[in-house]
Amino acid sequence: MARDLSAYLWLLADGFGPWEATAYPDHEHQPRADARLAAIAQRWAANRRASAEEVIAAARAEFPDFDEMIGGLCR
């Protein structure tokens, strides 16, 4: 869902949670930016600003088998 904490903060600020990030783009959720979470991301990860789409794409590139790995741990 995100490569690191900074990316995760920006993902949340853009209105995406863990489920929405893993289901993206095949979900019905209409993400809305959250000003309070954006302020937190700005404070702790200002130099790492990325859109939710960028965060998700980078995480999928780095961890292409994430869903399968998590599914395997749950069985």
N, C-alpha and C. Protein backbone atom coordinates (compact mmCIF):
# COMPACT_ATOMS: atom_id res chain seq x y z
N MET A 1 0.80 -1.19 0.00
CA MET A 1 0.00 0.00 0.00
C MET A 1 0.85 1.25 0.00
N ALA A 2 2.00 1.24 0.68
CA ALA A 2 2.94 2.36 0.65
C ALA A 2 4.33 1.81 0.97
N ARG A 3 5.35 2.44 0.42
CA ARG A 3 6.72 1.96 0.59
C ARG A 3 7.28 2.25 1.97
N ASP A 4 6.83 3.33 2.61
CA ASP A 4 7.36 3.71 3.91
C ASP A 4 6.37 4.63 4.62
N LEU A 5 6.70 5.05 5.82
CA LEU A 5 5.78 5.86 6.62
C LEU A 5 5.46 7.19 5.95
N SER A 6 6.45 7.83 5.36
CA SER A 6 6.19 9.12 4.68
C SER A 6 5.16 8.96 3.58
N ALA A 7 5.34 7.93 2.76
CA ALA A 7 4.39 7.67 1.67
C ALA A 7 3.01 7.35 2.23
N TYR A 8 2.97 6.59 3.31
CA TYR A 8 1.69 6.23 3.93
C TYR A 8 0.95 7.46 4.45
N LEU A 9 1.69 8.40 5.03
CA LEU A 9 1.05 9.63 5.51
C LEU A 9 0.40 10.39 4.36
N TRP A 10 1.07 10.47 3.21
CA TRP A 10 0.49 11.17 2.06
C TRP A 10 -0.67 10.39 1.47
N LEU A 11 -0.60 9.09 1.53
CA LEU A 11 -1.71 8.25 1.06
C LEU A 11 -2.96 8.55 1.89
N LEU A 12 -2.81 8.57 3.21
CA LEU A 12 -3.93 8.90 4.10
C LEU A 12 -4.44 10.32 3.84
N ALA A 13 -3.53 11.26 3.64
CA ALA A 13 -3.91 12.65 3.40
C ALA A 13 -4.76 12.79 2.14
N ASP A 14 -4.51 11.93 1.16
CA ASP A 14 -5.28 11.96 -0.09
C ASP A 14 -6.60 11.20 0.02
N GLY A 15 -6.92 10.69 1.20
CA GLY A 15 -8.21 10.04 1.40
C GLY A 15 -8.23 8.54 1.16
N PHE A 16 -7.06 7.93 1.10
CA PHE A 16 -6.96 6.50 0.90
C PHE A 16 -6.56 5.81 2.20
N GLY A 17 -7.23 4.71 2.51
CA GLY A 17 -6.85 3.86 3.61
C GLY A 17 -6.17 2.61 3.06
N PRO A 18 -5.79 1.67 3.91
CA PRO A 18 -5.11 0.46 3.45
C PRO A 18 -5.93 -0.34 2.43
N TRP A 19 -7.22 -0.52 2.70
CA TRP A 19 -8.04 -1.30 1.77
C TRP A 19 -8.14 -0.61 0.42
N GLU A 20 -8.41 0.68 0.41
CA GLU A 20 -8.55 1.41 -0.84
C GLU A 20 -7.26 1.37 -1.66
N ALA A 21 -6.14 1.43 -0.97
CA ALA A 21 -4.85 1.38 -1.66
C ALA A 21 -4.62 0.02 -2.31
N THR A 22 -4.94 -1.05 -1.60
CA THR A 22 -4.72 -2.38 -2.18
C THR A 22 -5.75 -2.70 -3.25
N ALA A 23 -6.94 -2.13 -3.19
CA ALA A 23 -7.99 -2.38 -4.18
C ALA A 23 -7.92 -1.41 -5.36
N TYR A 24 -7.09 -0.38 -5.29
CA TYR A 24 -7.01 0.65 -6.32
C TYR A 24 -6.61 0.05 -7.66
N PRO A 25 -7.23 0.40 -8.75
CA PRO A 25 -8.31 1.36 -8.94
C PRO A 25 -9.70 0.72 -8.91
N ASP A 26 -9.77 -0.56 -8.58
CA ASP A 26 -11.04 -1.30 -8.62
C ASP A 26 -11.79 -1.22 -7.31
N HIS A 27 -12.16 -0.03 -6.90
CA HIS A 27 -12.96 0.15 -5.69
C HIS A 27 -13.99 1.25 -5.94
N GLU A 28 -15.01 1.29 -5.13
CA GLU A 28 -16.07 2.28 -5.30
C GLU A 28 -15.86 3.50 -4.41
N HIS A 29 -14.86 3.46 -3.58
CA HIS A 29 -14.56 4.56 -2.66
C HIS A 29 -14.19 5.81 -3.45
N GLN A 30 -14.78 6.93 -3.08
CA GLN A 30 -14.43 8.22 -3.67
C GLN A 30 -13.54 8.96 -2.69
N PRO A 31 -12.23 8.86 -2.86
CA PRO A 31 -11.32 9.49 -1.89
C PRO A 31 -11.47 11.00 -1.86
N ARG A 32 -11.39 11.53 -0.65
CA ARG A 32 -11.43 12.98 -0.44
C ARG A 32 -10.23 13.35 0.42
N ALA A 33 -9.51 14.33 -0.03
CA ALA A 33 -8.35 14.79 0.74
C ALA A 33 -8.80 15.21 2.14
N ASP A 34 -7.97 14.97 3.11
CA ASP A 34 -8.26 15.28 4.51
C ASP A 34 -7.24 16.32 4.98
N ALA A 35 -7.70 17.53 5.22
CA ALA A 35 -6.81 18.63 5.59
C ALA A 35 -6.03 18.35 6.88
N ARG A 36 -6.68 17.70 7.83
CA ARG A 36 -6.00 17.39 9.10
C ARG A 36 -4.85 16.41 8.87
N LEU A 37 -5.12 15.37 8.08
CA LEU A 37 -4.06 14.39 7.78
C LEU A 37 -3.00 14.98 6.86
N ALA A 38 -3.40 15.88 5.98
CA ALA A 38 -2.42 16.56 5.13
C ALA A 38 -1.47 17.41 5.97
N ALA A 39 -1.99 18.05 7.01
CA ALA A 39 -1.14 18.85 7.90
C ALA A 39 -0.12 17.96 8.61
N ILE A 40 -0.55 16.77 9.01
CA ILE A 40 0.38 15.82 9.65
C ILE A 40 1.44 15.38 8.66
N ALA A 41 1.02 15.02 7.45
CA ALA A 41 1.98 14.61 6.42
C ALA A 41 2.94 15.75 6.09
N GLN A 42 2.43 16.95 6.01
CA GLN A 42 3.27 18.11 5.72
C GLN A 42 4.30 18.32 6.82
N ARG A 43 3.90 18.09 8.05
CA ARG A 43 4.83 18.29 9.18
C ARG A 43 5.93 17.24 9.19
N TRP A 44 5.58 15.98 8.94
CA TRP A 44 6.52 14.88 9.11
C TRP A 44 7.15 14.37 7.81
N ALA A 45 6.58 14.75 6.68
CA ALA A 45 7.11 14.23 5.41
C ALA A 45 6.99 15.26 4.29
N ALA A 46 7.26 16.50 4.61
CA ALA A 46 7.09 17.59 3.64
C ALA A 46 7.92 17.39 2.38
N ASN A 47 9.11 16.87 2.52
CA ASN A 47 9.99 16.71 1.37
C ASN A 47 9.71 15.44 0.57
N ARG A 48 8.70 14.69 0.97
CA ARG A 48 8.36 13.42 0.29
C ARG A 48 6.96 13.45 -0.30
N ARG A 49 6.41 14.62 -0.61
CA ARG A 49 5.04 14.75 -1.11
C ARG A 49 4.84 13.91 -2.36
N ALA A 50 3.77 13.13 -2.36
CA ALA A 50 3.40 12.31 -3.53
C ALA A 50 1.89 12.11 -3.51
N SER A 51 1.31 12.00 -4.67
CA SER A 51 -0.13 11.73 -4.75
C SER A 51 -0.38 10.27 -4.39
N ALA A 52 -1.63 9.96 -4.09
CA ALA A 52 -1.99 8.57 -3.78
C ALA A 52 -1.63 7.65 -4.94
N GLU A 53 -1.88 8.08 -6.16
CA GLU A 53 -1.55 7.26 -7.32
C GLU A 53 -0.05 6.98 -7.40
N GLU A 54 0.77 7.99 -7.11
CA GLU A 54 2.22 7.81 -7.13
C GLU A 54 2.67 6.87 -6.02
N VAL A 55 2.09 7.02 -4.83
CA VAL A 55 2.44 6.17 -3.70
C VAL A 55 2.10 4.71 -4.01
N ILE A 56 0.91 4.48 -4.52
CA ILE A 56 0.47 3.12 -4.83
C ILE A 56 1.33 2.51 -5.93
N ALA A 57 1.62 3.27 -6.97
CA ALA A 57 2.45 2.76 -8.07
C ALA A 57 3.84 2.38 -7.59
N ALA A 58 4.44 3.20 -6.76
CA ALA A 58 5.78 2.92 -6.24
C ALA A 58 5.77 1.68 -5.35
N ALA A 59 4.76 1.55 -4.50
CA ALA A 59 4.67 0.38 -3.62
C ALA A 59 4.47 -0.89 -4.43
N ARG A 60 3.63 -0.84 -5.45
CA ARG A 60 3.41 -2.02 -6.29
C ARG A 60 4.66 -2.40 -7.07
N ALA A 61 5.43 -1.42 -7.48
CA ALA A 61 6.68 -1.71 -8.19
C ALA A 61 7.70 -2.36 -7.26
N GLU A 62 7.77 -1.90 -6.02
CA GLU A 62 8.74 -2.45 -5.07
C GLU A 62 8.29 -3.78 -4.47
N PHE A 63 6.99 -3.94 -4.28
CA PHE A 63 6.44 -5.14 -3.66
C PHE A 63 5.35 -5.75 -4.54
N PRO A 64 5.71 -6.30 -5.70
CA PRO A 64 4.69 -6.78 -6.64
C PRO A 64 3.85 -7.95 -6.12
N ASP A 65 4.35 -8.71 -5.18
CA ASP A 65 3.63 -9.88 -4.66
C ASP A 65 3.03 -9.63 -3.28
N PHE A 66 2.78 -8.37 -2.94
CA PHE A 66 2.29 -8.02 -1.60
C PHE A 66 1.01 -8.76 -1.24
N ASP A 67 0.00 -8.72 -2.13
CA ASP A 67 -1.28 -9.36 -1.82
C ASP A 67 -1.12 -10.86 -1.58
N GLU A 68 -0.34 -11.51 -2.42
CA GLU A 68 -0.13 -12.95 -2.25
C GLU A 68 0.63 -13.27 -0.97
N MET A 69 1.62 -12.44 -0.64
CA MET A 69 2.39 -12.65 0.58
C MET A 69 1.50 -12.53 1.82
N ILE A 70 0.68 -11.49 1.87
CA ILE A 70 -0.22 -11.30 3.01
C ILE A 70 -1.24 -12.43 3.06
N GLY A 71 -1.80 -12.80 1.91
CA GLY A 71 -2.75 -13.91 1.86
C GLY A 71 -2.13 -15.20 2.37
N GLY A 72 -0.89 -15.46 2.03
CA GLY A 72 -0.20 -16.65 2.50
C GLY A 72 0.02 -16.66 4.02
N LEU A 73 0.23 -15.49 4.58
CA LEU A 73 0.42 -15.39 6.03
C LEU A 73 -0.89 -15.60 6.79
N CYS A 74 -2.00 -15.37 6.11
CA CYS A 74 -3.31 -15.47 6.76
C CYS A 74 -3.89 -16.87 6.70
N ARG A 75 -3.30 -17.75 5.99
CA ARG A 75 -3.86 -19.10 5.85
C ARG A 75 -3.40 -20.03 6.93
